[in-house]
Amino acid sequence: MNTDKAKLLVETGNITGAVITAAPLVAGKWVVQLHRVGGDVVPLTARRENIRQFASIDSAVKVLNELGCKTATVDWSGQQ
């Protein structure tokens, strides 16, 4: 889900939370998983629908803040 759609869904209460987790197969990068009402989990994507990768947790948190997400969880289990 791209940031424009995610922001709209956050504003309407359709996003219940977010998890920042290590990017699979890419050491040192992070991805954001958005949790929707109803239990669906979708990744935050870039403009061309590729999963958006972040160089740091701080940069992922900054984007979530811009989207209006008030809370996020960091999953350290996949970090190398």
N, C-alpha and C. Protein backbone atom coordinates (compact mmCIF):
# COMPACT_ATOMS: atom_id res chain seq x y z
N MET A 1 0.84 -1.16 0.00
CA MET A 1 0.00 0.00 0.00
C MET A 1 0.90 1.24 0.00
N ASN A 2 0.65 2.14 -0.92
CA ASN A 2 1.48 3.34 -0.99
C ASN A 2 1.10 4.34 0.11
N THR A 3 1.95 5.33 0.30
CA THR A 3 1.77 6.25 1.42
C THR A 3 0.50 7.09 1.29
N ASP A 4 0.10 7.44 0.07
CA ASP A 4 -1.13 8.23 -0.08
C ASP A 4 -2.35 7.45 0.40
N LYS A 5 -2.46 6.19 -0.01
CA LYS A 5 -3.58 5.36 0.42
C LYS A 5 -3.49 5.08 1.92
N ALA A 6 -2.29 4.83 2.40
CA ALA A 6 -2.10 4.55 3.83
C ALA A 6 -2.53 5.75 4.67
N LYS A 7 -2.18 6.94 4.25
CA LYS A 7 -2.55 8.13 5.01
C LYS A 7 -4.07 8.27 5.09
N LEU A 8 -4.73 8.03 3.97
CA LEU A 8 -6.19 8.10 3.95
C LEU A 8 -6.80 7.06 4.90
N LEU A 9 -6.26 5.85 4.88
CA LEU A 9 -6.79 4.80 5.74
C LEU A 9 -6.49 5.06 7.22
N VAL A 10 -5.35 5.67 7.52
CA VAL A 10 -5.06 6.05 8.91
C VAL A 10 -6.07 7.10 9.37
N GLU A 11 -6.33 8.09 8.52
CA GLU A 11 -7.26 9.16 8.87
C GLU A 11 -8.67 8.64 9.11
N THR A 12 -9.07 7.58 8.41
CA THR A 12 -10.42 7.03 8.56
C THR A 12 -10.49 5.93 9.61
N GLY A 13 -9.36 5.64 10.26
CA GLY A 13 -9.36 4.64 11.32
C GLY A 13 -9.27 3.20 10.83
N ASN A 14 -8.90 3.01 9.56
CA ASN A 14 -8.82 1.66 9.00
C ASN A 14 -7.49 0.98 9.27
N ILE A 15 -6.49 1.72 9.71
CA ILE A 15 -5.19 1.14 10.08
C ILE A 15 -5.16 1.07 11.61
N THR A 16 -4.94 -0.14 12.14
CA THR A 16 -4.97 -0.32 13.59
C THR A 16 -3.58 -0.28 14.21
N GLY A 17 -2.53 -0.39 13.40
CA GLY A 17 -1.18 -0.36 13.93
C GLY A 17 -0.16 -0.62 12.85
N ALA A 18 1.10 -0.57 13.25
CA ALA A 18 2.20 -0.80 12.32
C ALA A 18 3.32 -1.54 13.03
N VAL A 19 4.04 -2.35 12.26
CA VAL A 19 5.20 -3.06 12.77
C VAL A 19 6.37 -2.76 11.84
N ILE A 20 7.47 -2.33 12.43
CA ILE A 20 8.71 -2.12 11.68
C ILE A 20 9.55 -3.37 11.89
N THR A 21 9.94 -4.01 10.81
CA THR A 21 10.66 -5.27 10.90
C THR A 21 11.82 -5.29 9.91
N ALA A 22 12.79 -6.14 10.16
CA ALA A 22 13.93 -6.26 9.26
C ALA A 22 13.46 -6.72 7.89
N ALA A 23 14.03 -6.12 6.85
CA ALA A 23 13.67 -6.51 5.49
C ALA A 23 14.18 -7.91 5.20
N PRO A 24 13.34 -8.75 4.66
CA PRO A 24 13.79 -10.10 4.34
C PRO A 24 14.84 -10.06 3.23
N LEU A 25 15.92 -10.77 3.43
CA LEU A 25 16.98 -10.94 2.43
C LEU A 25 17.81 -9.69 2.16
N VAL A 26 17.59 -8.61 2.93
CA VAL A 26 18.37 -7.39 2.73
C VAL A 26 18.89 -6.93 4.09
N ALA A 27 20.15 -7.24 4.36
CA ALA A 27 20.74 -6.89 5.65
C ALA A 27 20.77 -5.38 5.86
N GLY A 28 20.39 -4.96 7.05
CA GLY A 28 20.48 -3.56 7.42
C GLY A 28 19.33 -2.69 6.95
N LYS A 29 18.33 -3.26 6.31
CA LYS A 29 17.18 -2.48 5.84
C LYS A 29 15.94 -2.88 6.64
N TRP A 30 14.96 -2.01 6.65
CA TRP A 30 13.73 -2.20 7.43
C TRP A 30 12.52 -2.00 6.53
N VAL A 31 11.43 -2.67 6.85
CA VAL A 31 10.16 -2.50 6.15
C VAL A 31 9.06 -2.24 7.17
N VAL A 32 7.95 -1.69 6.69
CA VAL A 32 6.81 -1.40 7.55
C VAL A 32 5.63 -2.25 7.12
N GLN A 33 5.05 -2.95 8.07
CA GLN A 33 3.84 -3.73 7.86
C GLN A 33 2.69 -2.98 8.52
N LEU A 34 1.65 -2.69 7.76
CA LEU A 34 0.48 -1.99 8.29
C LEU A 34 -0.61 -2.99 8.60
N HIS A 35 -1.22 -2.87 9.76
CA HIS A 35 -2.29 -3.76 10.19
C HIS A 35 -3.62 -3.04 10.00
N ARG A 36 -4.51 -3.69 9.23
CA ARG A 36 -5.80 -3.10 8.92
C ARG A 36 -6.90 -3.69 9.78
N VAL A 37 -7.99 -2.95 9.90
CA VAL A 37 -9.18 -3.47 10.55
C VAL A 37 -9.58 -4.73 9.78
N GLY A 38 -9.90 -5.78 10.49
CA GLY A 38 -10.25 -7.04 9.86
C GLY A 38 -9.10 -8.03 9.85
N GLY A 39 -7.90 -7.56 10.26
CA GLY A 39 -6.78 -8.47 10.40
C GLY A 39 -5.81 -8.54 9.24
N ASP A 40 -6.08 -7.89 8.12
CA ASP A 40 -5.13 -7.90 7.01
C ASP A 40 -3.85 -7.16 7.39
N VAL A 41 -2.73 -7.69 6.91
CA VAL A 41 -1.43 -7.05 7.11
C VAL A 41 -0.85 -6.78 5.73
N VAL A 42 -0.53 -5.51 5.46
CA VAL A 42 0.00 -5.14 4.15
C VAL A 42 1.28 -4.34 4.31
N PRO A 43 2.23 -4.52 3.40
CA PRO A 43 3.47 -3.75 3.49
C PRO A 43 3.28 -2.34 2.94
N LEU A 44 4.05 -1.42 3.46
CA LEU A 44 4.10 -0.07 2.90
C LEU A 44 4.94 -0.16 1.64
N THR A 45 4.42 0.39 0.54
CA THR A 45 5.12 0.28 -0.73
C THR A 45 5.60 1.62 -1.25
N ALA A 46 6.53 1.54 -2.18
CA ALA A 46 7.01 2.73 -2.88
C ALA A 46 6.04 3.04 -4.02
N ARG A 47 6.34 4.03 -4.79
CA ARG A 47 5.43 4.47 -5.86
C ARG A 47 5.15 3.39 -6.90
N ARG A 48 6.10 2.54 -7.16
CA ARG A 48 5.91 1.51 -8.19
C ARG A 48 5.48 0.18 -7.59
N GLU A 49 4.89 0.25 -6.41
CA GLU A 49 4.35 -0.93 -5.72
C GLU A 49 5.41 -1.91 -5.24
N ASN A 50 6.68 -1.53 -5.27
CA ASN A 50 7.72 -2.35 -4.64
C ASN A 50 7.66 -2.09 -3.14
N ILE A 51 7.98 -3.09 -2.35
CA ILE A 51 7.98 -2.90 -0.90
C ILE A 51 9.02 -1.84 -0.56
N ARG A 52 8.60 -0.84 0.18
CA ARG A 52 9.48 0.25 0.54
C ARG A 52 10.44 -0.19 1.63
N GLN A 53 11.74 0.07 1.41
CA GLN A 53 12.76 -0.29 2.38
C GLN A 53 13.35 0.98 2.98
N PHE A 54 13.64 0.91 4.26
CA PHE A 54 14.19 2.05 4.99
C PHE A 54 15.58 1.71 5.48
N ALA A 55 16.48 2.68 5.47
CA ALA A 55 17.85 2.48 5.92
C ALA A 55 17.96 2.45 7.44
N SER A 56 16.97 3.02 8.11
CA SER A 56 17.01 3.04 9.58
C SER A 56 15.60 2.99 10.14
N ILE A 57 15.52 2.63 11.39
CA ILE A 57 14.23 2.65 12.08
C ILE A 57 13.72 4.08 12.17
N ASP A 58 14.63 5.02 12.39
CA ASP A 58 14.24 6.43 12.48
C ASP A 58 13.52 6.90 11.23
N SER A 59 14.02 6.50 10.07
CA SER A 59 13.37 6.95 8.82
C SER A 59 12.00 6.30 8.66
N ALA A 60 11.85 5.06 9.10
CA ALA A 60 10.54 4.40 9.05
C ALA A 60 9.57 5.09 10.00
N VAL A 61 10.02 5.43 11.20
CA VAL A 61 9.18 6.12 12.18
C VAL A 61 8.77 7.50 11.66
N LYS A 62 9.67 8.18 10.99
CA LYS A 62 9.36 9.50 10.44
C LYS A 62 8.21 9.41 9.44
N VAL A 63 8.25 8.42 8.56
CA VAL A 63 7.18 8.25 7.58
C VAL A 63 5.87 7.88 8.27
N LEU A 64 5.93 6.99 9.24
CA LEU A 64 4.71 6.64 9.98
C LEU A 64 4.12 7.86 10.68
N ASN A 65 4.97 8.71 11.24
CA ASN A 65 4.51 9.94 11.87
C ASN A 65 3.82 10.84 10.85
N GLU A 66 4.40 10.94 9.65
CA GLU A 66 3.80 11.76 8.60
C GLU A 66 2.44 11.20 8.16
N LEU A 67 2.29 9.88 8.24
CA LEU A 67 1.01 9.26 7.89
C LEU A 67 -0.05 9.45 8.97
N GLY A 68 0.39 9.81 10.17
CA GLY A 68 -0.53 10.00 11.28
C GLY A 68 -0.62 8.81 12.22
N CYS A 69 0.24 7.80 12.02
CA CYS A 69 0.27 6.66 12.93
C CYS A 69 0.84 7.12 14.26
N LYS A 70 0.13 6.79 15.32
CA LYS A 70 0.57 7.22 16.65
C LYS A 70 1.43 6.19 17.35
N THR A 71 1.31 4.91 16.98
CA THR A 71 2.11 3.87 17.62
C THR A 71 2.64 2.89 16.57
N ALA A 72 3.78 2.31 16.88
CA ALA A 72 4.36 1.27 16.04
C ALA A 72 5.19 0.35 16.94
N THR A 73 5.33 -0.86 16.51
CA THR A 73 6.13 -1.85 17.21
C THR A 73 7.34 -2.17 16.35
N VAL A 74 8.49 -2.35 16.98
CA VAL A 74 9.69 -2.77 16.26
C VAL A 74 9.93 -4.24 16.55
N ASP A 75 10.01 -5.03 15.49
CA ASP A 75 10.28 -6.46 15.62
C ASP A 75 11.76 -6.68 15.32
N TRP A 76 12.53 -6.97 16.36
CA TRP A 76 13.98 -7.15 16.24
C TRP A 76 14.36 -8.57 15.86
N SER A 77 13.42 -9.50 15.82
CA SER A 77 13.75 -10.92 15.67
C SER A 77 14.46 -11.24 14.36
N GLY A 78 14.21 -10.51 13.30
CA GLY A 78 14.86 -10.82 12.03
C GLY A 78 16.12 -10.02 11.77
N GLN A 79 16.50 -9.16 12.70
CA GLN A 79 17.67 -8.30 12.50
C GLN A 79 18.95 -9.10 12.62
N GLN A 80 19.87 -8.85 11.71
CA GLN A 80 21.16 -9.55 11.72
C GLN A 80 22.25 -8.71 12.33
